[in-house]
Structures are given as C-alpha cells and as structure tokens.
Amino acid sequence: MMARCIALDMDCSQFCVLAAAAMARDSEHANVICGLCADVCDSCADECAKHDMKHCKECAKACEQCAKECRKMAAMT
C-alpha cells in the first residue's frame, strides 16, 4: 500500500539534493532541474496526501512548499 509513496519520497529527496547542488554551483541547467524537481515534488505531495498518517500529511505539505519554491527558481533566468 505504501510502496508508491515510499518510492516517490525517495525520488523527491534525490531530486531535491540535485536541485540544491545545481543552484549552489550556479549550474546553467539549474532552472530545468528545478522545474523537474517541482514536478516530482508535486507527485510526491499528491501521493502522500492520500494517506491519513501524520507524517504523510507533513510530507505532502513540505513537498507542496518545495514545489512552489522550485518553480520560482525555475522561472529565474
């Protein structure tokens, strides 16, 4: 039941690490990476929001905020 949620959590965390690293080194691809990170965060938030456990609700909220911030970064040129 939680397999998809856990897999998306892992994907999300790895994309967030990649996005943070790309921004830290001022990568020319940071905006594309941040856009992808936002999409992955949205998927993770959607899945986590389906579950009633407190940690899932907290994860969904954090992913929604991360997606919002990543979209801001992706829009910067």
N, C-alpha and C. Protein backbone atom coordinates (compact mmCIF):
# COMPACT_ATOMS: atom_id res chain seq x y z
N MET A 1 0.81 -1.19 0.00
CA MET A 1 0.00 0.00 0.00
C MET A 1 0.87 1.27 0.00
N MET A 2 1.97 1.23 0.69
CA MET A 2 2.84 2.41 0.80
C MET A 2 4.01 2.38 -0.18
N ALA A 3 4.11 1.36 -1.00
CA ALA A 3 5.27 1.21 -1.89
C ALA A 3 5.44 2.41 -2.82
N ARG A 4 4.35 2.87 -3.43
CA ARG A 4 4.45 4.01 -4.34
C ARG A 4 4.83 5.27 -3.57
N CYS A 5 4.27 5.44 -2.40
CA CYS A 5 4.57 6.60 -1.56
C CYS A 5 6.06 6.62 -1.21
N ILE A 6 6.58 5.51 -0.78
CA ILE A 6 7.99 5.42 -0.40
C ILE A 6 8.89 5.67 -1.60
N ALA A 7 8.54 5.10 -2.74
CA ALA A 7 9.34 5.31 -3.95
C ALA A 7 9.35 6.78 -4.36
N LEU A 8 8.20 7.43 -4.28
CA LEU A 8 8.14 8.85 -4.62
C LEU A 8 8.90 9.69 -3.61
N ASP A 9 8.85 9.31 -2.34
CA ASP A 9 9.64 10.03 -1.32
C ASP A 9 11.13 9.97 -1.67
N MET A 10 11.58 8.80 -2.07
CA MET A 10 12.99 8.63 -2.42
C MET A 10 13.35 9.43 -3.68
N ASP A 11 12.48 9.39 -4.68
CA ASP A 11 12.71 10.19 -5.89
C ASP A 11 12.78 11.66 -5.54
N CYS A 12 11.82 12.10 -4.74
CA CYS A 12 11.74 13.50 -4.36
C CYS A 12 13.00 13.95 -3.63
N SER A 13 13.44 13.16 -2.68
CA SER A 13 14.63 13.56 -1.93
C SER A 13 15.85 13.66 -2.83
N GLN A 14 15.98 12.76 -3.78
CA GLN A 14 17.13 12.80 -4.67
C GLN A 14 17.07 13.99 -5.63
N PHE A 15 15.87 14.31 -6.13
CA PHE A 15 15.73 15.48 -6.99
C PHE A 15 16.02 16.76 -6.21
N CYS A 16 15.60 16.80 -4.95
CA CYS A 16 15.87 17.99 -4.13
C CYS A 16 17.37 18.17 -3.90
N VAL A 17 18.07 17.08 -3.65
CA VAL A 17 19.53 17.15 -3.48
C VAL A 17 20.18 17.64 -4.78
N LEU A 18 19.74 17.09 -5.90
CA LEU A 18 20.29 17.51 -7.20
C LEU A 18 20.00 18.99 -7.46
N ALA A 19 18.78 19.43 -7.19
CA ALA A 19 18.42 20.83 -7.42
C ALA A 19 19.24 21.76 -6.53
N ALA A 20 19.38 21.40 -5.27
CA ALA A 20 20.18 22.23 -4.35
C ALA A 20 21.63 22.32 -4.82
N ALA A 21 22.18 21.22 -5.26
CA ALA A 21 23.57 21.21 -5.75
C ALA A 21 23.70 22.05 -7.02
N ALA A 22 22.74 21.93 -7.91
CA ALA A 22 22.79 22.70 -9.15
C ALA A 22 22.73 24.20 -8.87
N MET A 23 21.87 24.58 -7.94
CA MET A 23 21.78 26.00 -7.58
C MET A 23 23.05 26.48 -6.89
N ALA A 24 23.61 25.65 -6.03
CA ALA A 24 24.82 26.03 -5.29
C ALA A 24 26.00 26.28 -6.21
N ARG A 25 26.07 25.54 -7.30
CA ARG A 25 27.20 25.74 -8.22
C ARG A 25 26.83 26.61 -9.41
N ASP A 26 25.64 27.21 -9.34
CA ASP A 26 25.15 28.11 -10.39
C ASP A 26 25.17 27.43 -11.75
N SER A 27 24.66 26.20 -11.76
CA SER A 27 24.63 25.41 -12.98
C SER A 27 23.77 26.09 -14.04
N GLU A 28 24.21 26.01 -15.28
CA GLU A 28 23.42 26.56 -16.38
C GLU A 28 22.12 25.79 -16.58
N HIS A 29 22.01 24.62 -15.97
CA HIS A 29 20.81 23.79 -16.09
C HIS A 29 19.93 23.83 -14.84
N ALA A 30 20.26 24.70 -13.91
CA ALA A 30 19.52 24.74 -12.64
C ALA A 30 18.04 24.98 -12.85
N ASN A 31 17.68 25.85 -13.79
CA ASN A 31 16.25 26.12 -13.98
C ASN A 31 15.49 24.89 -14.47
N VAL A 32 16.10 24.11 -15.35
CA VAL A 32 15.46 22.89 -15.84
C VAL A 32 15.37 21.85 -14.72
N ILE A 33 16.44 21.72 -13.97
CA ILE A 33 16.47 20.78 -12.85
C ILE A 33 15.42 21.16 -11.81
N CYS A 34 15.33 22.44 -11.50
CA CYS A 34 14.34 22.90 -10.53
C CYS A 34 12.91 22.67 -11.03
N GLY A 35 12.69 22.82 -12.32
CA GLY A 35 11.38 22.53 -12.89
C GLY A 35 11.01 21.06 -12.75
N LEU A 36 11.97 20.19 -13.01
CA LEU A 36 11.74 18.76 -12.82
C LEU A 36 11.52 18.42 -11.35
N CYS A 37 12.30 19.06 -10.49
CA CYS A 37 12.15 18.84 -9.06
C CYS A 37 10.75 19.22 -8.61
N ALA A 38 10.24 20.33 -9.11
CA ALA A 38 8.88 20.76 -8.76
C ALA A 38 7.85 19.72 -9.19
N ASP A 39 8.02 19.15 -10.38
CA ASP A 39 7.08 18.12 -10.85
C ASP A 39 7.12 16.88 -9.97
N VAL A 40 8.33 16.47 -9.59
CA VAL A 40 8.46 15.29 -8.72
C VAL A 40 7.88 15.58 -7.34
N CYS A 41 8.13 16.77 -6.83
CA CYS A 41 7.57 17.16 -5.53
C CYS A 41 6.04 17.16 -5.57
N ASP A 42 5.46 17.62 -6.68
CA ASP A 42 4.01 17.59 -6.83
C ASP A 42 3.48 16.16 -6.79
N SER A 43 4.15 15.27 -7.48
CA SER A 43 3.72 13.85 -7.49
C SER A 43 3.80 13.26 -6.09
N CYS A 44 4.88 13.57 -5.40
CA CYS A 44 5.06 13.07 -4.04
C CYS A 44 3.98 13.65 -3.12
N ALA A 45 3.72 14.93 -3.23
CA ALA A 45 2.70 15.57 -2.40
C ALA A 45 1.33 14.96 -2.65
N ASP A 46 1.01 14.73 -3.90
CA ASP A 46 -0.29 14.14 -4.24
C ASP A 46 -0.45 12.76 -3.63
N GLU A 47 0.60 11.96 -3.72
CA GLU A 47 0.54 10.60 -3.17
C GLU A 47 0.47 10.63 -1.65
N CYS A 48 1.32 11.41 -1.03
CA CYS A 48 1.34 11.46 0.44
C CYS A 48 0.03 11.98 1.00
N ALA A 49 -0.60 12.90 0.30
CA ALA A 49 -1.87 13.46 0.76
C ALA A 49 -2.99 12.42 0.80
N LYS A 50 -2.82 11.33 0.10
CA LYS A 50 -3.84 10.27 0.09
C LYS A 50 -3.86 9.46 1.38
N HIS A 51 -2.81 9.55 2.18
CA HIS A 51 -2.68 8.74 3.38
C HIS A 51 -2.99 9.56 4.62
N ASP A 52 -3.58 8.91 5.60
CA ASP A 52 -4.06 9.61 6.80
C ASP A 52 -3.00 9.77 7.89
N MET A 53 -1.86 9.17 7.73
CA MET A 53 -0.84 9.26 8.77
C MET A 53 -0.27 10.67 8.85
N LYS A 54 0.05 11.10 10.07
CA LYS A 54 0.54 12.45 10.30
C LYS A 54 1.79 12.74 9.48
N HIS A 55 2.74 11.80 9.46
CA HIS A 55 3.98 12.05 8.73
C HIS A 55 3.73 12.20 7.22
N CYS A 56 2.73 11.52 6.71
CA CYS A 56 2.40 11.66 5.29
C CYS A 56 1.81 13.04 5.00
N LYS A 57 0.95 13.51 5.88
CA LYS A 57 0.37 14.85 5.72
C LYS A 57 1.46 15.92 5.80
N GLU A 58 2.41 15.75 6.73
CA GLU A 58 3.53 16.69 6.86
C GLU A 58 4.41 16.65 5.62
N CYS A 59 4.64 15.46 5.10
CA CYS A 59 5.45 15.31 3.89
C CYS A 59 4.76 15.99 2.72
N ALA A 60 3.46 15.80 2.58
CA ALA A 60 2.72 16.43 1.48
C ALA A 60 2.85 17.94 1.55
N LYS A 61 2.71 18.49 2.74
CA LYS A 61 2.82 19.94 2.91
C LYS A 61 4.23 20.44 2.55
N ALA A 62 5.25 19.73 3.00
CA ALA A 62 6.62 20.11 2.69
C ALA A 62 6.89 20.02 1.19
N CYS A 63 6.37 18.99 0.55
CA CYS A 63 6.57 18.83 -0.89
C CYS A 63 5.86 19.92 -1.67
N GLU A 64 4.67 20.32 -1.22
CA GLU A 64 3.96 21.41 -1.88
C GLU A 64 4.76 22.70 -1.80
N GLN A 65 5.33 22.97 -0.64
CA GLN A 65 6.14 24.18 -0.46
C GLN A 65 7.41 24.12 -1.31
N CYS A 66 8.03 22.96 -1.34
CA CYS A 66 9.24 22.80 -2.14
C CYS A 66 8.93 23.00 -3.63
N ALA A 67 7.83 22.43 -4.10
CA ALA A 67 7.44 22.60 -5.50
C ALA A 67 7.24 24.08 -5.82
N LYS A 68 6.60 24.80 -4.92
CA LYS A 68 6.36 26.23 -5.11
C LYS A 68 7.68 26.99 -5.25
N GLU A 69 8.62 26.70 -4.33
CA GLU A 69 9.92 27.38 -4.38
C GLU A 69 10.73 26.97 -5.59
N CYS A 70 10.67 25.71 -5.97
CA CYS A 70 11.40 25.24 -7.16
C CYS A 70 10.87 25.92 -8.42
N ARG A 71 9.57 26.13 -8.49
CA ARG A 71 9.01 26.81 -9.65
C ARG A 71 9.49 28.25 -9.72
N LYS A 72 9.65 28.89 -8.57
CA LYS A 72 10.21 30.24 -8.55
C LYS A 72 11.63 30.22 -9.11
N MET A 73 12.42 29.23 -8.68
CA MET A 73 13.80 29.13 -9.14
C MET A 73 13.84 28.80 -10.63
N ALA A 74 12.94 27.93 -11.08
CA ALA A 74 12.91 27.54 -12.49
C ALA A 74 12.57 28.72 -13.38
N ALA A 75 11.80 29.66 -12.85
CA ALA A 75 11.39 30.83 -13.64
C ALA A 75 12.51 31.86 -13.78
N MET A 76 13.51 31.77 -12.91
CA MET A 76 14.62 32.73 -12.97
C MET A 76 15.54 32.37 -14.13
N THR A 77 15.98 33.37 -14.82
CA THR A 77 16.90 33.09 -15.94
C THR A 77 18.19 33.83 -15.75
